[in-house]
Amino acid sequence: MLFKRIGTVAAGVAAATMLVTAAAAATPAADTPGEGVLTTTSAVSAAALPSGCIGMSDVYKTSTDGGRANGQGIIDCEYVYARLHAETNLYRDRWNGPDFLDSDSSTGNNTDWVASISVWRCAGVGTYTYRSSAYHEARTVGGDVYTATTSDSARFSC
């Protein structure tokens, strides 16, 4: 799945559900090739922030140590911001409701990209639907704050 900075939304992100929760979201500009690549096994949820940033969520499986469920939240900006923050929560669906598995947060100062990854070892537990929810925040030097939330789910067996 190819991810590009806001203003350069890749086909994989454009096909994903756009959940814009920030007011007055910017319209993406023309596509620019050559940005970062991330390989995943599921669809991606993305939200454009009016700050020139995009927040993304993804749930995927890795096969290290017998299997891990991963929930990922990324905020990727066109410009360097005073502070970027991403928080991710990972759940799996059970018969009695969501089962909280892990959370993670990451903050970067004077950067244009931050990722948060929740990880849970799922080897031998069967087939479940895993869900990730992420909170994304961009803060300017002047104190303006832009936020968005995204979520994603994938069903797999470890």
N, C-alpha and C. Protein backbone atom coordinates (compact mmCIF):
# COMPACT_ATOMS: atom_id res chain seq x y z
N MET A 1 0.86 -1.16 0.00
CA MET A 1 0.00 0.00 0.00
C MET A 1 0.90 1.22 0.00
N LEU A 2 0.71 2.12 -0.91
CA LEU A 2 1.53 3.32 -1.04
C LEU A 2 0.88 4.47 -0.29
N PHE A 3 1.63 5.12 0.57
CA PHE A 3 1.14 6.28 1.29
C PHE A 3 1.93 7.50 0.84
N LYS A 4 1.25 8.60 0.63
CA LYS A 4 1.92 9.84 0.28
C LYS A 4 1.38 10.95 1.15
N ARG A 5 2.13 11.99 1.27
CA ARG A 5 1.72 13.12 2.11
C ARG A 5 0.47 13.78 1.57
N ILE A 6 -0.26 14.46 2.44
CA ILE A 6 -1.50 15.12 2.03
C ILE A 6 -1.19 16.03 0.86
N GLY A 7 -2.08 16.06 -0.07
CA GLY A 7 -1.83 16.75 -1.32
C GLY A 7 -1.34 15.77 -2.36
N THR A 8 -1.02 14.56 -1.91
CA THR A 8 -0.55 13.51 -2.80
C THR A 8 -1.14 12.19 -2.35
N VAL A 9 -2.45 12.11 -2.26
CA VAL A 9 -3.11 10.92 -1.77
C VAL A 9 -2.95 9.79 -2.78
N ALA A 10 -2.41 8.67 -2.33
CA ALA A 10 -2.18 7.52 -3.20
C ALA A 10 -3.47 6.77 -3.47
N ALA A 11 -3.46 5.92 -4.47
CA ALA A 11 -4.64 5.15 -4.86
C ALA A 11 -5.17 4.33 -3.69
N GLY A 12 -4.30 3.70 -2.92
CA GLY A 12 -4.73 2.89 -1.78
C GLY A 12 -5.43 3.70 -0.73
N VAL A 13 -4.98 4.92 -0.49
CA VAL A 13 -5.61 5.78 0.50
C VAL A 13 -6.89 6.37 -0.07
N ALA A 14 -6.87 6.75 -1.35
CA ALA A 14 -8.06 7.34 -1.96
C ALA A 14 -9.20 6.33 -1.96
N ALA A 15 -8.89 5.04 -2.11
CA ALA A 15 -9.92 4.01 -2.11
C ALA A 15 -10.43 3.71 -0.71
N ALA A 16 -9.69 4.12 0.30
CA ALA A 16 -10.09 3.88 1.69
C ALA A 16 -11.19 4.85 2.09
N THR A 17 -11.85 4.54 3.17
CA THR A 17 -12.90 5.42 3.69
C THR A 17 -12.26 6.67 4.27
N MET A 18 -12.66 7.81 3.80
CA MET A 18 -12.13 9.07 4.29
C MET A 18 -13.02 9.54 5.44
N LEU A 19 -12.50 9.55 6.64
CA LEU A 19 -13.24 9.97 7.83
C LEU A 19 -12.71 11.30 8.30
N VAL A 20 -13.21 12.38 7.77
CA VAL A 20 -12.69 13.70 8.10
C VAL A 20 -13.43 14.22 9.32
N THR A 21 -12.72 14.37 10.43
CA THR A 21 -13.35 14.87 11.65
C THR A 21 -12.87 16.27 12.00
N ALA A 22 -11.91 16.78 11.27
CA ALA A 22 -11.46 18.15 11.51
C ALA A 22 -12.28 19.08 10.62
N ALA A 23 -12.53 20.29 11.11
CA ALA A 23 -13.33 21.23 10.35
C ALA A 23 -12.57 21.73 9.13
N ALA A 24 -13.29 22.00 8.07
CA ALA A 24 -12.74 22.61 6.85
C ALA A 24 -11.54 21.86 6.32
N ALA A 25 -11.69 20.58 6.07
CA ALA A 25 -10.58 19.76 5.58
C ALA A 25 -10.14 20.23 4.20
N ALA A 26 -8.83 20.20 4.00
CA ALA A 26 -8.26 20.66 2.74
C ALA A 26 -8.53 19.66 1.63
N THR A 27 -8.63 20.14 0.42
CA THR A 27 -8.77 19.28 -0.73
C THR A 27 -7.38 18.88 -1.21
N PRO A 28 -7.13 17.57 -1.43
CA PRO A 28 -5.81 17.14 -1.87
C PRO A 28 -5.43 17.77 -3.20
N ALA A 29 -4.17 18.11 -3.36
CA ALA A 29 -3.64 18.68 -4.59
C ALA A 29 -3.22 17.56 -5.53
N ALA A 30 -2.51 17.90 -6.57
CA ALA A 30 -2.08 16.92 -7.56
C ALA A 30 -1.13 15.89 -6.97
N ASP A 31 -1.10 14.72 -7.55
CA ASP A 31 -0.28 13.61 -7.09
C ASP A 31 1.20 13.87 -7.36
N THR A 32 2.05 13.53 -6.41
CA THR A 32 3.49 13.65 -6.56
C THR A 32 4.11 12.30 -6.26
N PRO A 33 4.84 11.70 -7.22
CA PRO A 33 5.41 10.37 -6.99
C PRO A 33 6.59 10.39 -6.04
N GLY A 34 6.90 9.21 -5.49
CA GLY A 34 8.15 9.03 -4.78
C GLY A 34 8.10 9.17 -3.27
N GLU A 35 6.92 9.21 -2.65
CA GLU A 35 6.87 9.29 -1.20
C GLU A 35 6.99 7.90 -0.60
N GLY A 36 6.81 7.78 0.74
CA GLY A 36 7.06 6.55 1.47
C GLY A 36 6.18 5.39 1.10
N VAL A 37 6.68 4.17 1.30
CA VAL A 37 5.94 2.95 1.01
C VAL A 37 5.77 2.16 2.29
N LEU A 38 4.56 1.64 2.52
CA LEU A 38 4.26 0.80 3.67
C LEU A 38 3.47 -0.39 3.18
N THR A 39 3.95 -1.60 3.42
CA THR A 39 3.24 -2.79 2.98
C THR A 39 2.32 -3.27 4.09
N THR A 40 1.05 -3.49 3.74
CA THR A 40 0.07 -3.94 4.72
C THR A 40 -0.77 -5.06 4.13
N THR A 41 -1.60 -5.69 4.97
CA THR A 41 -2.47 -6.77 4.51
C THR A 41 -3.93 -6.40 4.65
N SER A 42 -4.25 -5.14 4.85
CA SER A 42 -5.65 -4.75 5.01
C SER A 42 -5.87 -3.35 4.46
N ALA A 43 -7.15 -2.95 4.43
CA ALA A 43 -7.51 -1.61 3.96
C ALA A 43 -7.03 -0.58 4.97
N VAL A 44 -7.06 0.66 4.57
CA VAL A 44 -6.56 1.75 5.41
C VAL A 44 -7.64 2.81 5.53
N SER A 45 -7.75 3.40 6.70
CA SER A 45 -8.64 4.53 6.92
C SER A 45 -7.78 5.78 7.01
N ALA A 46 -8.24 6.85 6.36
CA ALA A 46 -7.44 8.07 6.34
C ALA A 46 -8.33 9.28 6.60
N ALA A 47 -7.77 10.31 7.23
CA ALA A 47 -8.48 11.56 7.46
C ALA A 47 -7.55 12.72 7.14
N ALA A 48 -8.03 13.62 6.29
CA ALA A 48 -7.23 14.79 5.93
C ALA A 48 -7.44 15.87 6.98
N LEU A 49 -6.37 16.48 7.41
CA LEU A 49 -6.44 17.60 8.34
C LEU A 49 -6.21 18.89 7.56
N PRO A 50 -6.85 19.99 7.94
CA PRO A 50 -6.67 21.24 7.20
C PRO A 50 -5.25 21.80 7.33
N SER A 51 -4.44 21.21 8.14
CA SER A 51 -3.08 21.66 8.36
C SER A 51 -2.13 21.19 7.27
N GLY A 52 -2.61 20.45 6.28
CA GLY A 52 -1.72 19.88 5.28
C GLY A 52 -1.18 18.54 5.74
N CYS A 53 -1.86 17.92 6.69
CA CYS A 53 -1.47 16.62 7.22
C CYS A 53 -2.54 15.59 6.89
N ILE A 54 -2.16 14.33 6.93
CA ILE A 54 -3.12 13.25 6.81
C ILE A 54 -2.89 12.27 7.95
N GLY A 55 -3.98 11.83 8.57
CA GLY A 55 -3.91 10.81 9.61
C GLY A 55 -4.38 9.50 9.03
N MET A 56 -3.70 8.40 9.35
CA MET A 56 -4.04 7.10 8.79
C MET A 56 -4.07 6.05 9.88
N SER A 57 -4.96 5.06 9.72
CA SER A 57 -5.03 3.89 10.59
C SER A 57 -4.92 2.65 9.75
N ASP A 58 -4.33 1.61 10.33
CA ASP A 58 -4.21 0.34 9.63
C ASP A 58 -4.13 -0.78 10.66
N VAL A 59 -4.71 -1.93 10.34
CA VAL A 59 -4.57 -3.14 11.15
C VAL A 59 -3.95 -4.18 10.24
N TYR A 60 -2.91 -4.84 10.72
CA TYR A 60 -2.24 -5.84 9.90
C TYR A 60 -1.61 -6.90 10.78
N LYS A 61 -1.24 -8.00 10.16
CA LYS A 61 -0.64 -9.13 10.87
C LYS A 61 0.81 -9.27 10.45
N THR A 62 1.67 -9.56 11.42
CA THR A 62 3.05 -9.94 11.12
C THR A 62 3.26 -11.35 11.64
N SER A 63 4.21 -12.05 11.09
CA SER A 63 4.39 -13.45 11.47
C SER A 63 5.61 -13.69 12.35
N THR A 64 6.13 -12.64 12.97
CA THR A 64 7.25 -12.83 13.89
C THR A 64 6.76 -13.52 15.16
N ASP A 65 7.52 -14.40 15.71
CA ASP A 65 7.17 -15.11 16.96
C ASP A 65 5.82 -15.80 16.89
N GLY A 66 5.45 -16.33 15.73
CA GLY A 66 4.19 -17.05 15.61
C GLY A 66 3.00 -16.19 15.24
N GLY A 67 3.10 -14.91 15.29
CA GLY A 67 2.03 -14.02 14.86
C GLY A 67 1.76 -12.88 15.81
N ARG A 68 1.59 -11.71 15.24
CA ARG A 68 1.27 -10.51 16.01
C ARG A 68 0.21 -9.71 15.27
N ALA A 69 -0.75 -9.19 16.01
CA ALA A 69 -1.73 -8.24 15.47
C ALA A 69 -1.18 -6.84 15.76
N ASN A 70 -1.22 -5.99 14.76
CA ASN A 70 -0.66 -4.64 14.87
C ASN A 70 -1.72 -3.62 14.51
N GLY A 71 -1.87 -2.61 15.32
CA GLY A 71 -2.73 -1.46 15.02
C GLY A 71 -1.83 -0.25 14.90
N GLN A 72 -1.93 0.44 13.79
CA GLN A 72 -0.99 1.52 13.51
C GLN A 72 -1.72 2.83 13.26
N GLY A 73 -1.22 3.91 13.82
CA GLY A 73 -1.71 5.25 13.56
C GLY A 73 -0.56 6.11 13.10
N ILE A 74 -0.73 6.79 11.99
CA ILE A 74 0.33 7.63 11.42
C ILE A 74 -0.23 9.02 11.16
N ILE A 75 0.55 10.04 11.45
CA ILE A 75 0.25 11.39 10.99
C ILE A 75 1.42 11.83 10.14
N ASP A 76 1.12 12.21 8.91
CA ASP A 76 2.13 12.57 7.92
C ASP A 76 1.77 13.94 7.35
N CYS A 77 2.69 14.89 7.44
CA CYS A 77 2.40 16.27 7.08
C CYS A 77 3.26 16.75 5.91
N GLU A 78 2.71 17.72 5.22
CA GLU A 78 3.41 18.33 4.10
C GLU A 78 4.55 19.23 4.59
N TYR A 79 4.41 19.75 5.81
CA TYR A 79 5.39 20.67 6.38
C TYR A 79 5.82 20.18 7.76
N VAL A 80 6.90 20.74 8.27
CA VAL A 80 7.35 20.45 9.63
C VAL A 80 6.46 21.23 10.60
N TYR A 81 6.01 20.56 11.66
CA TYR A 81 5.17 21.18 12.68
C TYR A 81 5.87 21.17 14.03
N ALA A 82 5.48 22.11 14.89
CA ALA A 82 6.07 22.22 16.21
C ALA A 82 5.89 20.93 17.00
N ARG A 83 4.70 20.30 16.87
CA ARG A 83 4.43 19.07 17.61
C ARG A 83 3.43 18.22 16.84
N LEU A 84 3.75 16.95 16.67
CA LEU A 84 2.83 15.97 16.11
C LEU A 84 2.64 14.87 17.14
N HIS A 85 1.40 14.36 17.22
CA HIS A 85 1.11 13.34 18.21
C HIS A 85 0.15 12.31 17.60
N ALA A 86 0.39 11.03 17.87
CA ALA A 86 -0.50 9.96 17.43
C ALA A 86 -0.69 8.99 18.59
N GLU A 87 -1.93 8.56 18.79
CA GLU A 87 -2.27 7.55 19.80
C GLU A 87 -3.04 6.44 19.11
N THR A 88 -2.74 5.19 19.46
CA THR A 88 -3.40 4.04 18.84
C THR A 88 -3.89 3.08 19.91
N ASN A 89 -5.10 2.56 19.73
CA ASN A 89 -5.66 1.50 20.57
C ASN A 89 -5.99 0.32 19.68
N LEU A 90 -5.68 -0.89 20.17
CA LEU A 90 -5.94 -2.12 19.43
C LEU A 90 -6.93 -2.97 20.21
N TYR A 91 -7.96 -3.47 19.53
CA TYR A 91 -9.00 -4.30 20.11
C TYR A 91 -9.22 -5.52 19.23
N ARG A 92 -9.88 -6.54 19.79
CA ARG A 92 -10.41 -7.62 18.96
C ARG A 92 -11.87 -7.81 19.35
N ASP A 93 -12.68 -8.18 18.37
CA ASP A 93 -14.11 -8.39 18.62
C ASP A 93 -14.31 -9.73 19.29
N ARG A 94 -15.10 -9.72 20.35
CA ARG A 94 -15.49 -10.94 21.07
C ARG A 94 -17.01 -10.99 21.13
N TRP A 95 -17.55 -12.10 21.56
CA TRP A 95 -19.00 -12.25 21.63
C TRP A 95 -19.63 -11.26 22.61
N ASN A 96 -18.90 -10.85 23.63
CA ASN A 96 -19.42 -9.95 24.65
C ASN A 96 -18.96 -8.51 24.46
N GLY A 97 -18.41 -8.18 23.30
CA GLY A 97 -17.97 -6.81 23.03
C GLY A 97 -16.48 -6.75 22.73
N PRO A 98 -15.96 -5.54 22.54
CA PRO A 98 -14.54 -5.39 22.22
C PRO A 98 -13.63 -5.78 23.38
N ASP A 99 -12.54 -6.43 23.05
CA ASP A 99 -11.53 -6.85 24.02
C ASP A 99 -10.29 -5.99 23.80
N PHE A 100 -9.99 -5.08 24.75
CA PHE A 100 -8.84 -4.20 24.63
C PHE A 100 -7.55 -5.01 24.69
N LEU A 101 -6.64 -4.78 23.75
CA LEU A 101 -5.40 -5.55 23.68
C LEU A 101 -4.16 -4.73 23.99
N ASP A 102 -4.05 -3.52 23.42
CA ASP A 102 -2.82 -2.74 23.61
C ASP A 102 -3.08 -1.30 23.18
N SER A 103 -2.25 -0.40 23.69
CA SER A 103 -2.27 1.00 23.26
C SER A 103 -0.84 1.50 23.13
N ASP A 104 -0.69 2.55 22.36
CA ASP A 104 0.63 3.15 22.17
C ASP A 104 0.43 4.62 21.82
N SER A 105 1.41 5.44 22.11
CA SER A 105 1.38 6.84 21.68
C SER A 105 2.79 7.28 21.34
N SER A 106 2.85 8.25 20.46
CA SER A 106 4.14 8.77 20.04
C SER A 106 4.00 10.26 19.76
N THR A 107 5.01 11.03 20.18
CA THR A 107 5.01 12.47 19.98
C THR A 107 6.34 12.87 19.38
N GLY A 108 6.28 13.77 18.42
CA GLY A 108 7.51 14.29 17.81
C GLY A 108 7.46 15.80 17.76
N ASN A 109 8.56 16.43 18.05
CA ASN A 109 8.69 17.89 17.97
C ASN A 109 9.50 18.27 16.75
N ASN A 110 9.07 19.34 16.07
CA ASN A 110 9.75 19.83 14.87
C ASN A 110 9.96 18.72 13.85
N THR A 111 8.86 18.08 13.47
CA THR A 111 8.91 16.96 12.53
C THR A 111 7.71 17.03 11.59
N ASP A 112 7.73 16.19 10.58
CA ASP A 112 6.60 16.13 9.65
C ASP A 112 5.94 14.75 9.62
N TRP A 113 6.33 13.85 10.55
CA TRP A 113 5.81 12.48 10.52
C TRP A 113 5.96 11.83 11.88
N VAL A 114 4.90 11.15 12.35
CA VAL A 114 4.94 10.39 13.60
C VAL A 114 4.09 9.14 13.42
N ALA A 115 4.54 8.01 13.98
CA ALA A 115 3.77 6.76 13.93
C ALA A 115 3.64 6.19 15.34
N SER A 116 2.49 5.59 15.58
CA SER A 116 2.21 4.90 16.84
C SER A 116 1.75 3.49 16.47
N ILE A 117 2.33 2.47 17.10
CA ILE A 117 1.99 1.09 16.75
C ILE A 117 1.68 0.29 18.00
N SER A 118 0.45 -0.21 18.08
CA SER A 118 0.04 -1.12 19.15
C SER A 118 0.26 -2.54 18.66
N VAL A 119 0.84 -3.39 19.52
CA VAL A 119 1.18 -4.76 19.11
C VAL A 119 0.68 -5.75 20.15
N TRP A 120 0.09 -6.86 19.68
CA TRP A 120 -0.37 -7.91 20.57
C TRP A 120 -0.02 -9.26 19.96
N ARG A 121 0.61 -10.14 20.75
CA ARG A 121 0.98 -11.48 20.27
C ARG A 121 -0.28 -12.33 20.22
N CYS A 122 -0.63 -12.79 19.01
CA CYS A 122 -1.90 -13.49 18.82
C CYS A 122 -1.73 -14.94 18.38
N ALA A 123 -0.55 -15.49 18.48
CA ALA A 123 -0.30 -16.85 18.01
C ALA A 123 -1.21 -17.85 18.72
N GLY A 124 -1.91 -18.67 17.92
CA GLY A 124 -2.71 -19.74 18.48
C GLY A 124 -4.04 -19.36 19.10
N VAL A 125 -4.52 -18.14 18.90
CA VAL A 125 -5.76 -17.73 19.54
C VAL A 125 -6.98 -17.86 18.63
N GLY A 126 -6.81 -18.24 17.38
CA GLY A 126 -7.94 -18.39 16.47
C GLY A 126 -8.12 -17.20 15.55
N THR A 127 -9.28 -17.16 14.91
CA THR A 127 -9.60 -16.11 13.94
C THR A 127 -10.48 -15.06 14.60
N TYR A 128 -10.07 -13.81 14.49
CA TYR A 128 -10.82 -12.70 15.08
C TYR A 128 -10.78 -11.50 14.15
N THR A 129 -11.71 -10.57 14.39
CA THR A 129 -11.65 -9.27 13.75
C THR A 129 -10.92 -8.35 14.71
N TYR A 130 -9.83 -7.77 14.24
CA TYR A 130 -9.03 -6.84 15.03
C TYR A 130 -9.35 -5.42 14.58
N ARG A 131 -9.45 -4.51 15.54
CA ARG A 131 -9.79 -3.11 15.25
C ARG A 131 -8.75 -2.18 15.86
N SER A 132 -8.44 -1.16 15.10
CA SER A 132 -7.51 -0.14 15.57
C SER A 132 -8.21 1.21 15.47
N SER A 133 -8.08 2.02 16.50
CA SER A 133 -8.56 3.40 16.45
C SER A 133 -7.37 4.30 16.76
N ALA A 134 -7.30 5.42 16.06
CA ALA A 134 -6.16 6.31 16.24
C ALA A 134 -6.62 7.76 16.35
N TYR A 135 -5.90 8.52 17.17
CA TYR A 135 -6.11 9.95 17.34
C TYR A 135 -4.86 10.63 16.80
N HIS A 136 -5.05 11.66 15.99
CA HIS A 136 -3.93 12.36 15.35
C HIS A 136 -4.03 13.85 15.70
N GLU A 137 -2.88 14.46 16.02
CA GLU A 137 -2.88 15.87 16.39
C GLU A 137 -1.66 16.57 15.81
N ALA A 138 -1.89 17.73 15.19
CA ALA A 138 -0.80 18.58 14.68
C ALA A 138 -0.92 19.94 15.36
N ARG A 139 0.20 20.43 15.91
CA ARG A 139 0.20 21.72 16.63
C ARG A 139 1.25 22.63 16.01
N THR A 140 0.83 23.86 15.67
CA THR A 140 1.74 24.83 15.08
C THR A 140 2.50 25.58 16.16
N VAL A 141 3.53 26.32 15.76
CA VAL A 141 4.29 27.15 16.69
C VAL A 141 3.37 28.20 17.31
N GLY A 142 2.40 28.70 16.54
CA GLY A 142 1.47 29.71 17.04
C GLY A 142 0.37 29.17 17.94
N GLY A 143 0.32 27.84 18.14
CA GLY A 143 -0.64 27.25 19.05
C GLY A 143 -1.89 26.69 18.40
N ASP A 144 -2.04 26.82 17.07
CA ASP A 144 -3.18 26.22 16.39
C ASP A 144 -3.08 24.70 16.49
N VAL A 145 -4.21 24.03 16.76
CA VAL A 145 -4.23 22.58 16.92
C VAL A 145 -5.23 21.99 15.94
N TYR A 146 -4.80 20.99 15.19
CA TYR A 146 -5.64 20.27 14.24
C TYR A 146 -5.71 18.81 14.69
N THR A 147 -6.93 18.24 14.75
CA THR A 147 -7.07 16.87 15.21
C THR A 147 -7.94 16.07 14.24
N ALA A 148 -7.77 14.78 14.24
CA ALA A 148 -8.61 13.85 13.47
C ALA A 148 -8.55 12.50 14.15
N THR A 149 -9.58 11.69 13.92
CA THR A 149 -9.57 10.30 14.38
C THR A 149 -9.79 9.41 13.17
N THR A 150 -9.17 8.24 13.19
CA THR A 150 -9.35 7.25 12.14
C THR A 150 -9.49 5.88 12.78
N SER A 151 -10.01 4.94 12.02
CA SER A 151 -10.11 3.56 12.52
C SER A 151 -10.03 2.61 11.34
N ASP A 152 -9.71 1.36 11.64
CA ASP A 152 -9.60 0.34 10.62
C ASP A 152 -9.84 -1.01 11.29
N SER A 153 -10.22 -2.01 10.50
CA SER A 153 -10.38 -3.36 11.04
C SER A 153 -9.96 -4.38 9.98
N ALA A 154 -9.57 -5.54 10.45
CA ALA A 154 -9.19 -6.65 9.57
C ALA A 154 -9.45 -7.95 10.31
N ARG A 155 -9.90 -8.97 9.58
CA ARG A 155 -10.15 -10.28 10.18
C ARG A 155 -9.06 -11.22 9.69
N PHE A 156 -8.39 -11.87 10.64
CA PHE A 156 -7.35 -12.83 10.29
C PHE A 156 -7.09 -13.79 11.42
N SER A 157 -6.39 -14.82 11.10
CA SER A 157 -5.97 -15.84 12.09
C SER A 157 -4.46 -15.77 12.22
N CYS A 158 -3.99 -15.82 13.42
CA CYS A 158 -2.53 -15.81 13.63
C CYS A 158 -2.02 -17.20 13.56
